[in-house]
Amino acid sequence: MARDYAKEYKNYHSKPDQIKKRSSRNKARRLAVKIGKAKKGDGKDIHHKDGNPLNNSRGNLKSMAKSKNRSFARTRTARKKRS
């Protein structure tokens, strides 16, 4: 079954809270480039250490490889789940 992107956007990505979080993540990227923590086109993600995409304080942002940033399951505290 093919993925229905229009339905996915309508049901999830278009919600005001998701738009706010996406906007904040984009703002974090721009801030990291501005202060020298990242470069445009470097292929890295900007990691929010506390897991809150709305917290864009300089101490909370870290540049890391996409594979590293996206490789662990997220919890409420943005830490690795312990088994």
N, C-alpha and C. Protein backbone atom coordinates (compact mmCIF):
# COMPACT_ATOMS: atom_id res chain seq x y z
N MET A 1 0.84 -1.18 0.00
CA MET A 1 0.00 0.00 0.00
C MET A 1 0.89 1.25 0.00
N ALA A 2 0.60 2.15 -0.87
CA ALA A 2 1.39 3.38 -0.99
C ALA A 2 1.04 4.35 0.13
N ARG A 3 2.00 5.15 0.48
CA ARG A 3 1.82 6.14 1.53
C ARG A 3 1.01 7.31 1.00
N ASP A 4 -0.01 7.73 1.74
CA ASP A 4 -0.88 8.83 1.33
C ASP A 4 -0.41 10.12 2.03
N TYR A 5 0.47 10.85 1.35
CA TYR A 5 1.07 12.04 1.94
C TYR A 5 0.04 13.15 2.19
N ALA A 6 -0.92 13.29 1.31
CA ALA A 6 -1.94 14.33 1.48
C ALA A 6 -2.75 14.07 2.75
N LYS A 7 -3.13 12.83 2.97
CA LYS A 7 -3.90 12.47 4.16
C LYS A 7 -3.04 12.65 5.42
N GLU A 8 -1.77 12.25 5.32
CA GLU A 8 -0.85 12.38 6.45
C GLU A 8 -0.69 13.86 6.83
N TYR A 9 -0.55 14.72 5.84
CA TYR A 9 -0.42 16.15 6.12
C TYR A 9 -1.69 16.68 6.76
N LYS A 10 -2.82 16.31 6.21
CA LYS A 10 -4.11 16.79 6.70
C LYS A 10 -4.35 16.36 8.15
N ASN A 11 -3.99 15.12 8.46
CA ASN A 11 -4.28 14.58 9.78
C ASN A 11 -3.22 14.88 10.84
N TYR A 12 -2.02 15.23 10.43
CA TYR A 12 -0.95 15.41 11.42
C TYR A 12 -0.14 16.68 11.20
N HIS A 13 0.50 16.81 10.06
CA HIS A 13 1.45 17.90 9.84
C HIS A 13 0.81 19.28 9.75
N SER A 14 -0.47 19.36 9.48
CA SER A 14 -1.12 20.66 9.36
C SER A 14 -1.67 21.17 10.69
N LYS A 15 -1.54 20.39 11.74
CA LYS A 15 -2.04 20.81 13.04
C LYS A 15 -1.18 21.96 13.58
N PRO A 16 -1.81 22.93 14.24
CA PRO A 16 -1.06 24.11 14.72
C PRO A 16 0.14 23.78 15.61
N ASP A 17 0.02 22.79 16.48
CA ASP A 17 1.15 22.46 17.34
C ASP A 17 2.30 21.86 16.55
N GLN A 18 2.01 21.08 15.51
CA GLN A 18 3.07 20.51 14.68
C GLN A 18 3.73 21.58 13.81
N ILE A 19 2.95 22.52 13.33
CA ILE A 19 3.50 23.63 12.55
C ILE A 19 4.45 24.44 13.42
N LYS A 20 4.06 24.68 14.68
CA LYS A 20 4.88 25.44 15.62
C LYS A 20 6.20 24.71 15.89
N LYS A 21 6.14 23.39 16.10
CA LYS A 21 7.35 22.62 16.37
C LYS A 21 8.27 22.59 15.14
N ARG A 22 7.70 22.40 13.95
CA ARG A 22 8.50 22.39 12.72
C ARG A 22 9.18 23.74 12.51
N SER A 23 8.43 24.80 12.74
CA SER A 23 8.98 26.15 12.60
C SER A 23 10.13 26.37 13.58
N SER A 24 9.98 25.88 14.78
CA SER A 24 11.03 26.03 15.79
C SER A 24 12.27 25.22 15.43
N ARG A 25 12.09 24.03 14.87
CA ARG A 25 13.24 23.22 14.44
C ARG A 25 13.99 23.92 13.30
N ASN A 26 13.25 24.52 12.37
CA ASN A 26 13.88 25.27 11.28
C ASN A 26 14.64 26.49 11.82
N LYS A 27 14.05 27.14 12.82
CA LYS A 27 14.69 28.29 13.45
C LYS A 27 15.98 27.86 14.15
N ALA A 28 15.96 26.68 14.78
CA ALA A 28 17.16 26.17 15.45
C ALA A 28 18.28 25.94 14.44
N ARG A 29 17.93 25.43 13.28
CA ARG A 29 18.93 25.20 12.23
C ARG A 29 19.55 26.52 11.79
N ARG A 30 18.71 27.53 11.56
CA ARG A 30 19.21 28.84 11.14
C ARG A 30 20.12 29.45 12.22
N LEU A 31 19.73 29.29 13.48
CA LEU A 31 20.54 29.81 14.58
C LEU A 31 21.88 29.09 14.66
N ALA A 32 21.89 27.77 14.49
CA ALA A 32 23.13 26.99 14.54
C ALA A 32 24.08 27.40 13.41
N VAL A 33 23.55 27.67 12.25
CA VAL A 33 24.37 28.14 11.13
C VAL A 33 24.93 29.52 11.45
N LYS A 34 24.11 30.36 12.03
CA LYS A 34 24.52 31.73 12.35
C LYS A 34 25.65 31.77 13.38
N ILE A 35 25.58 30.90 14.40
CA ILE A 35 26.60 30.93 15.46
C ILE A 35 27.77 30.00 15.18
N GLY A 36 27.73 29.29 14.05
CA GLY A 36 28.86 28.48 13.64
C GLY A 36 28.85 27.03 14.10
N LYS A 37 27.74 26.55 14.64
CA LYS A 37 27.65 25.15 15.07
C LYS A 37 27.34 24.22 13.91
N ALA A 38 26.90 24.77 12.79
CA ALA A 38 26.57 23.98 11.61
C ALA A 38 26.86 24.81 10.37
N LYS A 39 26.95 24.11 9.25
CA LYS A 39 27.15 24.78 7.97
C LYS A 39 26.02 24.37 7.03
N LYS A 40 25.68 25.25 6.13
CA LYS A 40 24.63 24.97 5.17
C LYS A 40 25.07 23.80 4.28
N GLY A 41 24.21 22.80 4.16
CA GLY A 41 24.50 21.65 3.31
C GLY A 41 25.46 20.65 3.92
N ASP A 42 25.69 20.69 5.23
CA ASP A 42 26.64 19.78 5.85
C ASP A 42 26.07 18.38 6.08
N GLY A 43 24.78 18.19 5.87
CA GLY A 43 24.17 16.87 6.01
C GLY A 43 23.98 16.43 7.45
N LYS A 44 24.00 17.37 8.38
CA LYS A 44 23.85 17.04 9.79
C LYS A 44 22.53 17.57 10.33
N ASP A 45 22.09 16.98 11.43
CA ASP A 45 20.89 17.44 12.12
C ASP A 45 21.29 18.31 13.29
N ILE A 46 20.38 19.17 13.70
CA ILE A 46 20.57 19.94 14.92
C ILE A 46 19.78 19.23 16.00
N HIS A 47 20.50 18.73 17.00
CA HIS A 47 19.92 17.95 18.08
C HIS A 47 19.55 18.87 19.23
N HIS A 48 18.33 18.73 19.75
CA HIS A 48 17.92 19.45 20.95
C HIS A 48 18.21 18.53 22.14
N LYS A 49 19.17 18.90 22.96
CA LYS A 49 19.62 18.03 24.04
C LYS A 49 18.50 17.64 25.00
N ASP A 50 17.58 18.56 25.28
CA ASP A 50 16.49 18.24 26.20
C ASP A 50 15.27 17.64 25.51
N GLY A 51 15.33 17.48 24.19
CA GLY A 51 14.24 16.86 23.45
C GLY A 51 13.08 17.78 23.14
N ASN A 52 13.18 19.03 23.54
CA ASN A 52 12.11 19.99 23.33
C ASN A 52 12.45 20.86 22.12
N PRO A 53 11.73 20.68 20.99
CA PRO A 53 12.06 21.46 19.79
C PRO A 53 11.75 22.95 19.94
N LEU A 54 11.03 23.33 20.99
CA LEU A 54 10.72 24.74 21.19
C LEU A 54 11.81 25.45 21.99
N ASN A 55 12.74 24.70 22.57
CA ASN A 55 13.83 25.29 23.35
C ASN A 55 15.05 25.45 22.46
N ASN A 56 15.25 26.64 21.93
CA ASN A 56 16.36 26.90 21.02
C ASN A 56 17.48 27.69 21.68
N SER A 57 17.68 27.51 22.97
CA SER A 57 18.80 28.19 23.62
C SER A 57 20.10 27.59 23.10
N ARG A 58 21.14 28.38 23.05
CA ARG A 58 22.41 27.94 22.45
C ARG A 58 22.98 26.71 23.13
N GLY A 59 22.83 26.61 24.43
CA GLY A 59 23.36 25.46 25.17
C GLY A 59 22.59 24.18 24.93
N ASN A 60 21.40 24.29 24.37
CA ASN A 60 20.56 23.12 24.13
C ASN A 60 20.74 22.54 22.73
N LEU A 61 21.46 23.24 21.87
CA LEU A 61 21.61 22.80 20.48
C LEU A 61 22.97 22.17 20.24
N LYS A 62 22.96 21.09 19.46
CA LYS A 62 24.20 20.39 19.13
C LYS A 62 24.07 19.84 17.72
N SER A 63 25.11 19.98 16.94
CA SER A 63 25.12 19.44 15.59
C SER A 63 25.62 17.99 15.65
N MET A 64 24.88 17.09 15.00
CA MET A 64 25.31 15.70 14.97
C MET A 64 24.87 15.03 13.68
N ALA A 65 25.49 13.91 13.38
CA ALA A 65 25.16 13.17 12.16
C ALA A 65 23.69 12.76 12.18
N LYS A 66 23.06 12.78 11.02
CA LYS A 66 21.65 12.39 10.93
C LYS A 66 21.43 10.99 11.46
N SER A 67 22.31 10.07 11.10
CA SER A 67 22.14 8.68 11.52
C SER A 67 22.19 8.56 13.04
N LYS A 68 23.02 9.35 13.68
CA LYS A 68 23.14 9.32 15.14
C LYS A 68 21.91 9.94 15.79
N ASN A 69 21.46 11.07 15.28
CA ASN A 69 20.34 11.79 15.87
C ASN A 69 19.02 11.04 15.71
N ARG A 70 18.88 10.29 14.66
CA ARG A 70 17.61 9.61 14.38
C ARG A 70 17.63 8.13 14.75
N SER A 71 18.68 7.66 15.41
CA SER A 71 18.84 6.22 15.62
C SER A 71 18.26 5.69 16.92
N PHE A 72 17.87 6.54 17.85
CA PHE A 72 17.36 6.01 19.11
C PHE A 72 15.90 6.37 19.30
N ALA A 73 15.20 5.51 20.02
CA ALA A 73 13.78 5.71 20.28
C ALA A 73 13.61 6.92 21.20
N ARG A 74 12.65 7.75 20.91
CA ARG A 74 12.42 8.95 21.71
C ARG A 74 11.49 8.64 22.88
N THR A 75 11.82 9.22 24.01
CA THR A 75 10.96 9.16 25.17
C THR A 75 10.62 10.60 25.54
N ARG A 76 9.87 10.78 26.57
CA ARG A 76 9.50 12.14 26.97
C ARG A 76 10.71 12.98 27.34
N THR A 77 11.77 12.33 27.80
CA THR A 77 12.97 13.06 28.19
C THR A 77 14.04 13.05 27.10
N ALA A 78 13.72 12.52 25.92
CA ALA A 78 14.62 12.46 24.77
C ALA A 78 15.87 11.64 25.07
N ARG A 79 15.74 10.67 25.91
CA ARG A 79 16.86 9.79 26.23
C ARG A 79 16.61 8.42 25.61
N LYS A 80 17.63 7.61 25.54
CA LYS A 80 17.48 6.25 25.02
C LYS A 80 16.62 5.44 25.98
N LYS A 81 15.77 4.61 25.41
CA LYS A 81 14.97 3.71 26.24
C LYS A 81 15.89 2.64 26.82
N ARG A 82 15.69 2.34 28.06
CA ARG A 82 16.50 1.30 28.71
C ARG A 82 15.71 0.01 28.72
N SER A 83 16.39 -1.09 28.37
CA SER A 83 15.67 -2.37 28.35
C SER A 83 15.98 -3.20 29.56
